[in-house]
Amino acid sequence: QVQLVESGGGLVQAGGSLRLSCAASGTIFRINAMGWYRQAPGKQRELVARITSGGNTDYADSVKGRFTISRDNAKNTVYLQMNSLKPEDTAVYYCNADVSRYILERPSTYWGQGTQVTVSS
């Protein structure tokens, strides 16, 4: 199996910064895209940022210029650096990864358990 474990969430004042990490472990042959999503109370889960195995990135318009996604392929880890945080960034943040466990297996999407980010005004 594949496990994704997030860390780095917490409470921060508006304008502050947080760095989220998500490490994948288990039976892994290859990780394709990795991403961060978030879900605020009463809202649908939405894409925050995504990064391919080659380093190409994509961001939600609401976080462009403030958040940076990166990954360390040697550590099977994806990061989300969040700067200039706003109260509307408050949500549970989830990482995901498209993983092939074996050489001929099509990738499946795995999710972490989520980490709470709360931004106070």
PDB file of N, CA and C in Angstrom:
ATOM      1  N   GLN A   1       0.817  -1.194   0.000  1.00  0.00           N
ATOM      2  CA  GLN A   1       0.000   0.000   0.000  1.00  0.00           C
ATOM      3  C   GLN A   1       0.857   1.253   0.000  1.00  0.00           C
ATOM      4  N   VAL A   2       0.196   2.385  -0.191  1.00  0.00           N
ATOM      5  CA  VAL A   2       0.872   3.675  -0.213  1.00  0.00           C
ATOM      6  C   VAL A   2       0.246   4.569   0.844  1.00  0.00           C
ATOM      7  N   GLN A   3       1.076   5.235   1.625  1.00  0.00           N
ATOM      8  CA  GLN A   3       0.600   6.165   2.637  1.00  0.00           C
ATOM      9  C   GLN A   3       1.169   7.559   2.357  1.00  0.00           C
ATOM     10  N   LEU A   4       0.318   8.547   2.550  1.00  0.00           N
ATOM     11  CA  LEU A   4       0.735   9.940   2.464  1.00  0.00           C
ATOM     12  C   LEU A   4       0.494  10.580   3.827  1.00  0.00           C
ATOM     13  N   VAL A   5       1.527  11.192   4.378  1.00  0.00           N
ATOM     14  CA  VAL A   5       1.425  11.798   5.696  1.00  0.00           C
ATOM     15  C   VAL A   5       1.796  13.272   5.587  1.00  0.00           C
ATOM     16  N   GLU A   6       0.817  14.131   5.936  1.00  0.00           N
ATOM     17  CA  GLU A   6       1.040  15.576   5.895  1.00  0.00           C
ATOM     18  C   GLU A   6       1.509  16.073   7.258  1.00  0.00           C
ATOM     19  N   SER A   7       2.216  17.181   7.243  1.00  0.00           N
ATOM     20  CA  SER A   7       2.607  17.854   8.477  1.00  0.00           C
ATOM     21  C   SER A   7       2.794  19.337   8.176  1.00  0.00           C
ATOM     22  N   GLY A   8       2.815  20.139   9.239  1.00  0.00           N
ATOM     23  CA  GLY A   8       3.122  21.556   9.087  1.00  0.00           C
ATOM     24  C   GLY A   8       1.944  22.504   9.226  1.00  0.00           C
ATOM     25  N   GLY A   9       0.748  21.969   9.390  1.00  0.00           N
ATOM     26  CA  GLY A   9      -0.398  22.849   9.580  1.00  0.00           C
ATOM     27  C   GLY A   9      -0.371  23.509  10.943  1.00  0.00           C
ATOM     28  N   GLY A  10      -1.307  24.437  11.145  1.00  0.00           N
ATOM     29  CA  GLY A  10      -1.387  25.099  12.430  1.00  0.00           C
ATOM     30  C   GLY A  10      -2.162  26.397  12.356  1.00  0.00           C
ATOM     31  N   LEU A  11      -1.994  27.190  13.401  1.00  0.00           N
ATOM     32  CA  LEU A  11      -2.669  28.484  13.514  1.00  0.00           C
ATOM     33  C   LEU A  11      -1.652  29.595  13.256  1.00  0.00           C
ATOM     34  N   VAL A  12      -2.019  30.541  12.401  1.00  0.00           N
ATOM     35  CA  VAL A  12      -1.119  31.639  12.075  1.00  0.00           C
ATOM     36  C   VAL A  12      -1.942  32.902  11.863  1.00  0.00           C
ATOM     37  N   GLN A  13      -1.352  34.042  12.130  1.00  0.00           N
ATOM     38  CA  GLN A  13      -2.037  35.307  11.901  1.00  0.00           C
ATOM     39  C   GLN A  13      -1.999  35.670  10.421  1.00  0.00           C
ATOM     40  N   ALA A  14      -2.958  36.465  10.019  1.00  0.00           N
ATOM     41  CA  ALA A  14      -2.987  36.940   8.637  1.00  0.00           C
ATOM     42  C   ALA A  14      -1.669  37.630   8.293  1.00  0.00           C
ATOM     43  N   GLY A  15      -1.167  37.336   7.107  1.00  0.00           N
ATOM     44  CA  GLY A  15       0.114  37.863   6.687  1.00  0.00           C
ATOM     45  C   GLY A  15       1.287  36.956   6.992  1.00  0.00           C
ATOM     46  N   GLY A  16       1.035  35.928   7.789  1.00  0.00           N
ATOM     47  CA  GLY A  16       2.098  35.019   8.170  1.00  0.00           C
ATOM     48  C   GLY A  16       2.337  33.930   7.145  1.00  0.00           C
ATOM     49  N   SER A  17       3.206  32.992   7.510  1.00  0.00           N
ATOM     50  CA  SER A  17       3.611  31.922   6.596  1.00  0.00           C
ATOM     51  C   SER A  17       3.547  30.570   7.285  1.00  0.00           C
ATOM     52  N   LEU A  18       3.320  29.556   6.484  1.00  0.00           N
ATOM     53  CA  LEU A  18       3.398  28.167   6.926  1.00  0.00           C
ATOM     54  C   LEU A  18       3.984  27.344   5.794  1.00  0.00           C
ATOM     55  N   ARG A  19       4.629  26.239   6.162  1.00  0.00           N
ATOM     56  CA  ARG A  19       5.144  25.316   5.149  1.00  0.00           C
ATOM     57  C   ARG A  19       4.587  23.929   5.442  1.00  0.00           C
ATOM     58  N   LEU A  20       3.845  23.403   4.494  1.00  0.00           N
ATOM     59  CA  LEU A  20       3.290  22.061   4.614  1.00  0.00           C
ATOM     60  C   LEU A  20       4.215  21.065   3.921  1.00  0.00           C
ATOM     61  N   SER A  21       4.288  19.877   4.487  1.00  0.00           N
ATOM     62  CA  SER A  21       5.048  18.777   3.891  1.00  0.00           C
ATOM     63  C   SER A  21       4.152  17.564   3.773  1.00  0.00           C
ATOM     64  N   CYS A  22       4.416  16.748   2.785  1.00  0.00           N
ATOM     65  CA  CYS A  22       3.670  15.505   2.604  1.00  0.00           C
ATOM     66  C   CYS A  22       4.633  14.455   2.081  1.00  0.00           C
ATOM     67  N   ALA A  23       4.831  13.411   2.872  1.00  0.00           N
ATOM     68  CA  ALA A  23       5.758  12.346   2.510  1.00  0.00           C
ATOM     69  C   ALA A  23       4.995  11.085   2.126  1.00  0.00           C
ATOM     70  N   ALA A  24       5.354  10.525   0.988  1.00  0.00           N
ATOM     71  CA  ALA A  24       4.756   9.274   0.536  1.00  0.00           C
ATOM     72  C   ALA A  24       5.665   8.107   0.912  1.00  0.00           C
ATOM     73  N   SER A  25       5.050   7.023   1.349  1.00  0.00           N
ATOM     74  CA  SER A  25       5.820   5.839   1.724  1.00  0.00           C
ATOM     75  C   SER A  25       5.037   4.587   1.359  1.00  0.00           C
ATOM     76  N   GLY A  26       5.722   3.448   1.425  1.00  0.00           N
ATOM     77  CA  GLY A  26       5.086   2.188   1.081  1.00  0.00           C
ATOM     78  C   GLY A  26       5.682   1.613  -0.182  1.00  0.00           C
ATOM     79  N   THR A  27       4.874   0.865  -0.909  1.00  0.00           N
ATOM     80  CA  THR A  27       5.326   0.244  -2.149  1.00  0.00           C
ATOM     81  C   THR A  27       5.184   1.260  -3.280  1.00  0.00           C
ATOM     82  N   ILE A  28       6.298   1.819  -3.727  1.00  0.00           N
ATOM     83  CA  ILE A  28       6.287   2.885  -4.730  1.00  0.00           C
ATOM     84  C   ILE A  28       7.306   2.579  -5.810  1.00  0.00           C
ATOM     85  N   PHE A  29       6.821   2.497  -7.054  1.00  0.00           N
ATOM     86  CA  PHE A  29       7.746   2.398  -8.180  1.00  0.00           C
ATOM     87  C   PHE A  29       7.997   3.784  -8.775  1.00  0.00           C
ATOM     88  N   ARG A  30       6.909   4.536  -8.966  1.00  0.00           N
ATOM     89  CA  ARG A  30       7.029   5.869  -9.560  1.00  0.00           C
ATOM     90  C   ARG A  30       5.887   6.751  -9.066  1.00  0.00           C
ATOM     91  N   ILE A  31       6.211   8.003  -8.782  1.00  0.00           N
ATOM     92  CA  ILE A  31       5.188   8.995  -8.455  1.00  0.00           C
ATOM     93  C   ILE A  31       5.120   9.995  -9.596  1.00  0.00           C
ATOM     94  N   ASN A  32       3.973  10.145 -10.171  1.00  0.00           N
ATOM     95  CA  ASN A  32       3.781  11.143 -11.228  1.00  0.00           C
ATOM     96  C   ASN A  32       3.449  12.476 -10.571  1.00  0.00           C
ATOM     97  N   ALA A  33       2.299  13.025 -10.843  1.00  0.00           N
ATOM     98  CA  ALA A  33       1.960  14.325 -10.265  1.00  0.00           C
ATOM     99  C   ALA A  33       1.668  14.217  -8.777  1.00  0.00           C
ATOM    100  N   MET A  34       1.983  15.287  -8.066  1.00  0.00           N
ATOM    101  CA  MET A  34       1.630  15.423  -6.659  1.00  0.00           C
ATOM    102  C   MET A  34       0.935  16.768  -6.505  1.00  0.00           C
ATOM    103  N   GLY A  35       0.042  16.840  -5.533  1.00  0.00           N
ATOM    104  CA  GLY A  35      -0.705  18.088  -5.412  1.00  0.00           C
ATOM    105  C   GLY A  35      -1.207  18.357  -4.018  1.00  0.00           C
ATOM    106  N   TRP A  36      -1.674  19.567  -3.857  1.00  0.00           N
ATOM    107  CA  TRP A  36      -2.314  20.001  -2.620  1.00  0.00           C
ATOM    108  C   TRP A  36      -3.720  20.498  -2.949  1.00  0.00           C
ATOM    109  N   TYR A  37      -4.668  20.056  -2.148  1.00  0.00           N
ATOM    110  CA  TYR A  37      -6.052  20.488  -2.238  1.00  0.00           C
ATOM    111  C   TYR A  37      -6.460  21.024  -0.869  1.00  0.00           C
ATOM    112  N   ARG A  38      -7.549  21.748  -0.821  1.00  0.00           N
ATOM    113  CA  ARG A  38      -8.059  22.216   0.464  1.00  0.00           C
ATOM    114  C   ARG A  38      -9.582  22.191   0.466  1.00  0.00           C
ATOM    115  N   GLN A  39     -10.113  22.065   1.674  1.00  0.00           N
ATOM    116  CA  GLN A  39     -11.558  22.056   1.838  1.00  0.00           C
ATOM    117  C   GLN A  39     -11.925  22.871   3.063  1.00  0.00           C
ATOM    118  N   ALA A  40     -12.632  23.950   2.829  1.00  0.00           N
ATOM    119  CA  ALA A  40     -13.125  24.789   3.912  1.00  0.00           C
ATOM    120  C   ALA A  40     -14.509  24.297   4.336  1.00  0.00           C
ATOM    121  N   PRO A  41     -14.929  24.624   5.548  1.00  0.00           N
ATOM    122  CA  PRO A  41     -16.247  24.171   6.014  1.00  0.00           C
ATOM    123  C   PRO A  41     -17.366  24.608   5.074  1.00  0.00           C
ATOM    124  N   GLY A  42     -18.205  23.659   4.677  1.00  0.00           N
ATOM    125  CA  GLY A  42     -19.333  23.972   3.821  1.00  0.00           C
ATOM    126  C   GLY A  42     -18.996  24.159   2.365  1.00  0.00           C
ATOM    127  N   LYS A  43     -17.736  23.924   2.004  1.00  0.00           N
ATOM    128  CA  LYS A  43     -17.317  24.109   0.621  1.00  0.00           C
ATOM    129  C   LYS A  43     -16.758  22.817   0.048  1.00  0.00           C
ATOM    130  N   GLN A  44     -16.687  22.768  -1.279  1.00  0.00           N
ATOM    131  CA  GLN A  44     -16.115  21.602  -1.933  1.00  0.00           C
ATOM    132  C   GLN A  44     -14.591  21.649  -1.870  1.00  0.00           C
ATOM    133  N   ARG A  45     -13.988  20.476  -1.963  1.00  0.00           N
ATOM    134  CA  ARG A  45     -12.544  20.408  -2.024  1.00  0.00           C
ATOM    135  C   ARG A  45     -12.077  21.034  -3.332  1.00  0.00           C
ATOM    136  N   GLU A  46     -11.025  21.841  -3.259  1.00  0.00           N
ATOM    137  CA  GLU A  46     -10.530  22.524  -4.438  1.00  0.00           C
ATOM    138  C   GLU A  46      -9.022  22.364  -4.571  1.00  0.00           C
ATOM    139  N   LEU A  47      -8.571  22.422  -5.814  1.00  0.00           N
ATOM    140  CA  LEU A  47      -7.147  22.343  -6.090  1.00  0.00           C
ATOM    141  C   LEU A  47      -6.463  23.623  -5.631  1.00  0.00           C
ATOM    142  N   VAL A  48      -5.345  23.458  -4.944  1.00  0.00           N
ATOM    143  CA  VAL A  48      -4.513  24.598  -4.561  1.00  0.00           C
ATOM    144  C   VAL A  48      -3.313  24.695  -5.502  1.00  0.00           C
ATOM    145  N   ALA A  49      -2.583  23.595  -5.635  1.00  0.00           N
ATOM    146  CA  ALA A  49      -1.403  23.588  -6.489  1.00  0.00           C
ATOM    147  C   ALA A  49      -1.068  22.153  -6.851  1.00  0.00           C
ATOM    148  N   ARG A  50      -0.396  22.009  -7.990  1.00  0.00           N
ATOM    149  CA  ARG A  50      -0.051  20.687  -8.470  1.00  0.00           C
ATOM    150  C   ARG A  50       1.318  20.766  -9.138  1.00  0.00           C
ATOM    151  N   ILE A  51       2.094  19.668  -9.045  1.00  0.00           N
ATOM    152  CA  ILE A  51       3.424  19.656  -9.644  1.00  0.00           C
ATOM    153  C   ILE A  51       3.653  18.295 -10.277  1.00  0.00           C
ATOM    154  N   THR A  52       4.157  18.300 -11.498  1.00  0.00           N
ATOM    155  CA  THR A  52       4.440  17.043 -12.188  1.00  0.00           C
ATOM    156  C   THR A  52       5.795  16.494 -11.752  1.00  0.00           C
ATOM    157  N   SER A  53       6.093  15.288 -12.185  1.00  0.00           N
ATOM    158  CA  SER A  53       7.382  14.687 -11.845  1.00  0.00           C
ATOM    159  C   SER A  53       8.530  15.489 -12.469  1.00  0.00           C
ATOM    160  N   GLY A  54       8.250  16.209 -13.533  1.00  0.00           N
ATOM    161  CA  GLY A  54       9.279  17.018 -14.177  1.00  0.00           C
ATOM    162  C   GLY A  54       9.392  18.420 -13.631  1.00  0.00           C
ATOM    163  N   GLY A  55       8.509  18.756 -12.681  1.00  0.00           N
ATOM    164  CA  GLY A  55       8.603  20.061 -12.039  1.00  0.00           C
ATOM    165  C   GLY A  55       7.676  21.124 -12.586  1.00  0.00           C
ATOM    166  N   ASN A  56       6.823  20.779 -13.533  1.00  0.00           N
ATOM    167  CA  ASN A  56       5.846  21.762 -14.021  1.00  0.00           C
ATOM    168  C   ASN A  56       4.772  21.967 -12.962  1.00  0.00           C
ATOM    169  N   THR A  57       4.387  23.222 -12.766  1.00  0.00           N
ATOM    170  CA  THR A  57       3.452  23.554 -11.698  1.00  0.00           C
ATOM    171  C   THR A  57       2.193  24.232 -12.220  1.00  0.00           C
ATOM    172  N   ASP A  58       1.156  24.128 -11.411  1.00  0.00           N
ATOM    173  CA  ASP A  58      -0.120  24.764 -11.715  1.00  0.00           C
ATOM    174  C   ASP A  58      -0.711  25.233 -10.395  1.00  0.00           C
ATOM    175  N   TYR A  59      -1.291  26.436 -10.384  1.00  0.00           N
ATOM    176  CA  TYR A  59      -1.816  27.008  -9.153  1.00  0.00           C
ATOM    177  C   TYR A  59      -3.242  27.511  -9.344  1.00  0.00           C
ATOM    178  N   ALA A  60      -4.014  27.467  -8.271  1.00  0.00           N
ATOM    179  CA  ALA A  60      -5.297  28.145  -8.269  1.00  0.00           C
ATOM    180  C   ALA A  60      -5.038  29.649  -8.338  1.00  0.00           C
ATOM    181  N   ASP A  61      -5.921  30.366  -9.003  1.00  0.00           N
ATOM    182  CA  ASP A  61      -5.738  31.816  -9.139  1.00  0.00           C
ATOM    183  C   ASP A  61      -5.653  32.499  -7.781  1.00  0.00           C
ATOM    184  N   SER A  62      -6.374  31.974  -6.803  1.00  0.00           N
ATOM    185  CA  SER A  62      -6.447  32.609  -5.488  1.00  0.00           C
ATOM    186  C   SER A  62      -5.143  32.551  -4.713  1.00  0.00           C
ATOM    187  N   VAL A  63      -4.212  31.678  -5.124  1.00  0.00           N
ATOM    188  CA  VAL A  63      -2.960  31.541  -4.376  1.00  0.00           C
ATOM    189  C   VAL A  63      -1.734  31.915  -5.197  1.00  0.00           C
ATOM    190  N   LYS A  64      -1.906  32.230  -6.464  1.00  0.00           N
ATOM    191  CA  LYS A  64      -0.771  32.585  -7.309  1.00  0.00           C
ATOM    192  C   LYS A  64      -0.031  33.777  -6.719  1.00  0.00           C
ATOM    193  N   GLY A  65       1.292  33.654  -6.684  1.00  0.00           N
ATOM    194  CA  GLY A  65       2.112  34.727  -6.134  1.00  0.00           C
ATOM    195  C   GLY A  65       2.309  34.651  -4.635  1.00  0.00           C
ATOM    196  N   ARG A  66       1.536  33.816  -3.959  1.00  0.00           N
ATOM    197  CA  ARG A  66       1.649  33.675  -2.506  1.00  0.00           C
ATOM    198  C   ARG A  66       2.118  32.284  -2.094  1.00  0.00           C
ATOM    199  N   PHE A  67       1.694  31.265  -2.816  1.00  0.00           N
ATOM    200  CA  PHE A  67       2.042  29.879  -2.487  1.00  0.00           C
ATOM    201  C   PHE A  67       3.030  29.328  -3.508  1.00  0.00           C
ATOM    202  N   THR A  68       3.911  28.450  -3.050  1.00  0.00           N
ATOM    203  CA  THR A  68       4.855  27.786  -3.936  1.00  0.00           C
ATOM    204  C   THR A  68       4.876  26.292  -3.634  1.00  0.00           C
ATOM    205  N   ILE A  69       4.656  25.496  -4.655  1.00  0.00           N
ATOM    206  CA  ILE A  69       4.720  24.044  -4.504  1.00  0.00           C
ATOM    207  C   ILE A  69       6.078  23.568  -5.014  1.00  0.00           C
ATOM    208  N   SER A  70       6.636  22.589  -4.324  1.00  0.00           N
ATOM    209  CA  SER A  70       7.902  21.996  -4.750  1.00  0.00           C
ATOM    210  C   SER A  70       7.906  20.534  -4.320  1.00  0.00           C
ATOM    211  N   ARG A  71       8.880  19.786  -4.822  1.00  0.00           N
ATOM    212  CA  ARG A  71       8.965  18.378  -4.449  1.00  0.00           C
ATOM    213  C   ARG A  71      10.413  17.933  -4.425  1.00  0.00           C
ATOM    214  N   ASP A  72      10.657  16.914  -3.611  1.00  0.00           N
ATOM    215  CA  ASP A  72      11.952  16.263  -3.536  1.00  0.00           C
ATOM    216  C   ASP A  72      11.708  14.817  -3.955  1.00  0.00           C
ATOM    217  N   ASN A  73      12.052  14.497  -5.185  1.00  0.00           N
ATOM    218  CA  ASN A  73      11.759  13.160  -5.704  1.00  0.00           C
ATOM    219  C   ASN A  73      12.530  12.072  -4.957  1.00  0.00           C
ATOM    220  N   ALA A  74      13.708  12.394  -4.475  1.00  0.00           N
ATOM    221  CA  ALA A  74      14.502  11.398  -3.739  1.00  0.00           C
ATOM    222  C   ALA A  74      13.828  11.024  -2.419  1.00  0.00           C
ATOM    223  N   LYS A  75      13.067  11.960  -1.872  1.00  0.00           N
ATOM    224  CA  LYS A  75      12.394  11.715  -0.592  1.00  0.00           C
ATOM    225  C   LYS A  75      10.909  11.439  -0.768  1.00  0.00           C
ATOM    226  N   ASN A  76      10.413  11.401  -2.009  1.00  0.00           N
ATOM    227  CA  ASN A  76       8.979  11.195  -2.266  1.00  0.00           C
ATOM    228  C   ASN A  76       8.135  12.180  -1.472  1.00  0.00           C
ATOM    229  N   THR A  77       8.567  13.416  -1.441  1.00  0.00           N
ATOM    230  CA  THR A  77       7.922  14.426  -0.603  1.00  0.00           C
ATOM    231  C   THR A  77       7.553  15.652  -1.432  1.00  0.00           C
ATOM    232  N   VAL A  78       6.378  16.189  -1.133  1.00  0.00           N
ATOM    233  CA  VAL A  78       5.928  17.432  -1.759  1.00  0.00           C
ATOM    234  C   VAL A  78       5.733  18.471  -0.663  1.00  0.00           C
ATOM    235  N   TYR A  79       6.034  19.712  -1.004  1.00  0.00           N
ATOM    236  CA  TYR A  79       5.948  20.812  -0.049  1.00  0.00           C
ATOM    237  C   TYR A  79       5.005  21.889  -0.582  1.00  0.00           C
ATOM    238  N   LEU A  80       4.449  22.651   0.342  1.00  0.00           N
ATOM    239  CA  LEU A  80       3.669  23.822  -0.033  1.00  0.00           C
ATOM    240  C   LEU A  80       4.091  24.968   0.892  1.00  0.00           C
ATOM    241  N   GLN A  81       4.807  25.924   0.333  1.00  0.00           N
ATOM    242  CA  GLN A  81       5.182  27.114   1.076  1.00  0.00           C
ATOM    243  C   GLN A  81       4.072  28.140   0.903  1.00  0.00           C
ATOM    244  N   MET A  82       3.482  28.548   2.001  1.00  0.00           N
ATOM    245  CA  MET A  82       2.354  29.477   1.967  1.00  0.00           C
ATOM    246  C   MET A  82       2.755  30.775   2.644  1.00  0.00           C
ATOM    247  N   ASN A  83       2.786  31.841   1.886  1.00  0.00           N
ATOM    248  CA  ASN A  83       3.129  33.165   2.399  1.00  0.00           C
ATOM    249  C   ASN A  83       1.937  34.107   2.275  1.00  0.00           C
ATOM    250  N   SER A  84       2.008  35.208   2.987  1.00  0.00           N
ATOM    251  CA  SER A  84       0.937  36.219   2.940  1.00  0.00           C
ATOM    252  C   SER A  84      -0.435  35.577   3.133  1.00  0.00           C
ATOM    253  N   LEU A  85      -0.534  34.753   4.133  1.00  0.00           N
ATOM    254  CA  LEU A  85      -1.775  34.010   4.363  1.00  0.00           C
ATOM    255  C   LEU A  85      -2.928  34.932   4.717  1.00  0.00           C
ATOM    256  N   LYS A  86      -4.114  34.537   4.269  1.00  0.00           N
ATOM    257  CA  LYS A  86      -5.336  35.308   4.490  1.00  0.00           C
ATOM    258  C   LYS A  86      -6.334  34.435   5.249  1.00  0.00           C
ATOM    259  N   PRO A  87      -7.266  35.035   5.955  1.00  0.00           N
ATOM    260  CA  PRO A  87      -8.281  34.237   6.647  1.00  0.00           C
ATOM    261  C   PRO A  87      -9.023  33.285   5.706  1.00  0.00           C
ATOM    262  N   GLU A  88      -9.209  33.675   4.470  1.00  0.00           N
ATOM    263  CA  GLU A  88      -9.912  32.809   3.523  1.00  0.00           C
ATOM    264  C   GLU A  88      -9.094  31.593   3.095  1.00  0.00           C
ATOM    265  N   ASP A  89      -7.835  31.524   3.505  1.00  0.00           N
ATOM    266  CA  ASP A  89      -7.028  30.327   3.262  1.00  0.00           C
ATOM    267  C   ASP A  89      -7.295  29.251   4.311  1.00  0.00           C
ATOM    268  N   THR A  90      -8.071  29.568   5.326  1.00  0.00           N
ATOM    269  CA  THR A  90      -8.389  28.599   6.365  1.00  0.00           C
ATOM    270  C   THR A  90      -9.130  27.404   5.781  1.00  0.00           C
ATOM    271  N   ALA A  91      -8.599  26.220   6.028  1.00  0.00           N
ATOM    272  CA  ALA A  91      -9.173  24.997   5.475  1.00  0.00           C
ATOM    273  C   ALA A  91      -8.369  23.800   5.971  1.00  0.00           C
ATOM    274  N   VAL A  92      -8.890  22.624   5.692  1.00  0.00           N
ATOM    275  CA  VAL A  92      -8.087  21.413   5.835  1.00  0.00           C
ATOM    276  C   VAL A  92      -7.374  21.196   4.502  1.00  0.00           C
ATOM    277  N   TYR A  93      -6.071  21.039   4.570  1.00  0.00           N
ATOM    278  CA  TYR A  93      -5.254  20.862   3.368  1.00  0.00           C
ATOM    279  C   TYR A  93      -4.892  19.384   3.222  1.00  0.00           C
ATOM    280  N   TYR A  94      -5.135  18.877   2.029  1.00  0.00           N
ATOM    281  CA  TYR A  94      -4.866  17.480   1.720  1.00  0.00           C
ATOM    282  C   TYR A  94      -3.820  17.399   0.606  1.00  0.00           C
ATOM    283  N   CYS A  95      -2.896  16.456   0.732  1.00  0.00           N
ATOM    284  CA  CYS A  95      -2.006  16.202  -0.391  1.00  0.00           C
ATOM    285  C   CYS A  95      -2.490  14.956  -1.122  1.00  0.00           C
ATOM    286  N   ASN A  96      -2.139  14.881  -2.380  1.00  0.00           N
ATOM    287  CA  ASN A  96      -2.386  13.654  -3.119  1.00  0.00           C
ATOM    288  C   ASN A  96      -1.234  13.365  -4.059  1.00  0.00           C
ATOM    289  N   ALA A  97      -1.186  12.138  -4.517  1.00  0.00           N
ATOM    290  CA  ALA A  97      -0.109  11.716  -5.404  1.00  0.00           C
ATOM    291  C   ALA A  97      -0.617  10.617  -6.324  1.00  0.00           C
ATOM    292  N   ASP A  98      -0.186  10.676  -7.567  1.00  0.00           N
ATOM    293  CA  ASP A  98      -0.509   9.636  -8.546  1.00  0.00           C
ATOM    294  C   ASP A  98       0.656   8.652  -8.565  1.00  0.00           C
ATOM    295  N   VAL A  99       0.412   7.451  -8.046  1.00  0.00           N
ATOM    296  CA  VAL A  99       1.485   6.504  -7.766  1.00  0.00           C
ATOM    297  C   VAL A  99       1.291   5.194  -8.511  1.00  0.00           C
ATOM    298  N   SER A 100       2.366   4.721  -9.135  1.00  0.00           N
ATOM    299  CA  SER A 100       2.431   3.358  -9.640  1.00  0.00           C
ATOM    300  C   SER A 100       3.261   2.544  -8.655  1.00  0.00           C
ATOM    301  N   ARG A 101       2.671   1.469  -8.147  1.00  0.00           N
ATOM    302  CA  ARG A 101       3.402   0.659  -7.169  1.00  0.00           C
ATOM    303  C   ARG A 101       4.366  -0.310  -7.838  1.00  0.00           C
ATOM    304  N   TYR A 102       4.073  -0.670  -9.080  1.00  0.00           N
ATOM    305  CA  TYR A 102       4.902  -1.628  -9.794  1.00  0.00           C
ATOM    306  C   TYR A 102       5.149  -1.104 -11.204  1.00  0.00           C
ATOM    307  N   ILE A 103       6.103  -1.693 -11.908  1.00  0.00           N
ATOM    308  CA  ILE A 103       6.570  -1.158 -13.176  1.00  0.00           C
ATOM    309  C   ILE A 103       5.478  -1.099 -14.239  1.00  0.00           C
ATOM    310  N   LEU A 104       4.544  -2.023 -14.279  1.00  0.00           N
ATOM    311  CA  LEU A 104       3.516  -2.048 -15.318  1.00  0.00           C
ATOM    312  C   LEU A 104       2.149  -1.594 -14.805  1.00  0.00           C
ATOM    313  N   GLU A 105       2.100  -1.093 -13.568  1.00  0.00           N
ATOM    314  CA  GLU A 105       0.813  -0.692 -12.992  1.00  0.00           C
ATOM    315  C   GLU A 105       0.469   0.731 -13.404  1.00  0.00           C
ATOM    316  N   ARG A 106      -0.785   0.959 -13.814  1.00  0.00           N
ATOM    317  CA  ARG A 106      -1.233   2.323 -14.059  1.00  0.00           C
ATOM    318  C   ARG A 106      -1.300   3.065 -12.726  1.00  0.00           C
ATOM    319  N   PRO A 107      -1.008   4.353 -12.760  1.00  0.00           N
ATOM    320  CA  PRO A 107      -1.018   5.094 -11.491  1.00  0.00           C
ATOM    321  C   PRO A 107      -2.414   5.207 -10.898  1.00  0.00           C
ATOM    322  N   SER A 108      -2.468   5.150  -9.590  1.00  0.00           N
ATOM    323  CA  SER A 108      -3.683   5.414  -8.829  1.00  0.00           C
ATOM    324  C   SER A 108      -3.444   6.641  -7.964  1.00  0.00           C
ATOM    325  N   THR A 109      -4.527   7.312  -7.617  1.00  0.00           N
ATOM    326  CA  THR A 109      -4.412   8.519  -6.785  1.00  0.00           C
ATOM    327  C   THR A 109      -4.607   8.163  -5.326  1.00  0.00           C
ATOM    328  N   TYR A 110      -3.653   8.590  -4.518  1.00  0.00           N
ATOM    329  CA  TYR A 110      -3.701   8.379  -3.070  1.00  0.00           C
ATOM    330  C   TYR A 110      -3.796   9.735  -2.379  1.00  0.00           C
ATOM    331  N   TRP A 111      -4.449   9.724  -1.207  1.00  0.00           N
ATOM    332  CA  TRP A 111      -4.683  10.955  -0.458  1.00  0.00           C
ATOM    333  C   TRP A 111      -4.121  10.842   0.955  1.00  0.00           C
ATOM    334  N   GLY A 112      -3.659  11.972   1.463  1.00  0.00           N
ATOM    335  CA  GLY A 112      -3.295  12.044   2.864  1.00  0.00           C
ATOM    336  C   GLY A 112      -4.524  12.275   3.723  1.00  0.00           C
ATOM    337  N   GLN A 113      -4.299  12.324   5.036  1.00  0.00           N
ATOM    338  CA  GLN A 113      -5.412  12.432   5.982  1.00  0.00           C
ATOM    339  C   GLN A 113      -5.845  13.875   6.206  1.00  0.00           C
ATOM    340  N   GLY A 114      -5.031  14.817   5.759  1.00  0.00           N
ATOM    341  CA  GLY A 114      -5.369  16.228   5.895  1.00  0.00           C
ATOM    342  C   GLY A 114      -4.706  16.874   7.089  1.00  0.00           C
ATOM    343  N   THR A 115      -4.414  18.157   6.947  1.00  0.00           N
ATOM    344  CA  THR A 115      -3.853  18.936   8.051  1.00  0.00           C
ATOM    345  C   THR A 115      -4.565  20.289   8.087  1.00  0.00           C
ATOM    346  N   GLN A 116      -4.913  20.717   9.287  1.00  0.00           N
ATOM    347  CA  GLN A 116      -5.701  21.948   9.444  1.00  0.00           C
ATOM    348  C   GLN A 116      -4.798  23.175   9.369  1.00  0.00           C
ATOM    349  N   VAL A 117      -5.206  24.131   8.567  1.00  0.00           N
ATOM    350  CA  VAL A 117      -4.568  25.446   8.520  1.00  0.00           C
ATOM    351  C   VAL A 117      -5.618  26.481   8.900  1.00  0.00           C
ATOM    352  N   THR A 118      -5.323  27.251   9.931  1.00  0.00           N
ATOM    353  CA  THR A 118      -6.241  28.290  10.389  1.00  0.00           C
ATOM    354  C   THR A 118      -5.516  29.630  10.382  1.00  0.00           C
ATOM    355  N   VAL A 119      -6.093  30.597   9.688  1.00  0.00           N
ATOM    356  CA  VAL A 119      -5.499  31.928   9.592  1.00  0.00           C
ATOM    357  C   VAL A 119      -6.427  32.904  10.302  1.00  0.00           C
ATOM    358  N   SER A 120      -5.925  33.527  11.345  1.00  0.00           N
ATOM    359  CA  SER A 120      -6.733  34.466  12.117  1.00  0.00           C
ATOM    360  C   SER A 120      -6.544  35.888  11.574  1.00  0.00           C
ATOM    361  N   SER A 121      -7.596  36.677  11.688  1.00  0.00           N
ATOM    362  CA  SER A 121      -7.540  38.061  11.176  1.00  0.00           C
ATOM    363  C   SER A 121      -7.042  39.026  12.230  1.00  0.00           C
TER     364      SER A 121
END
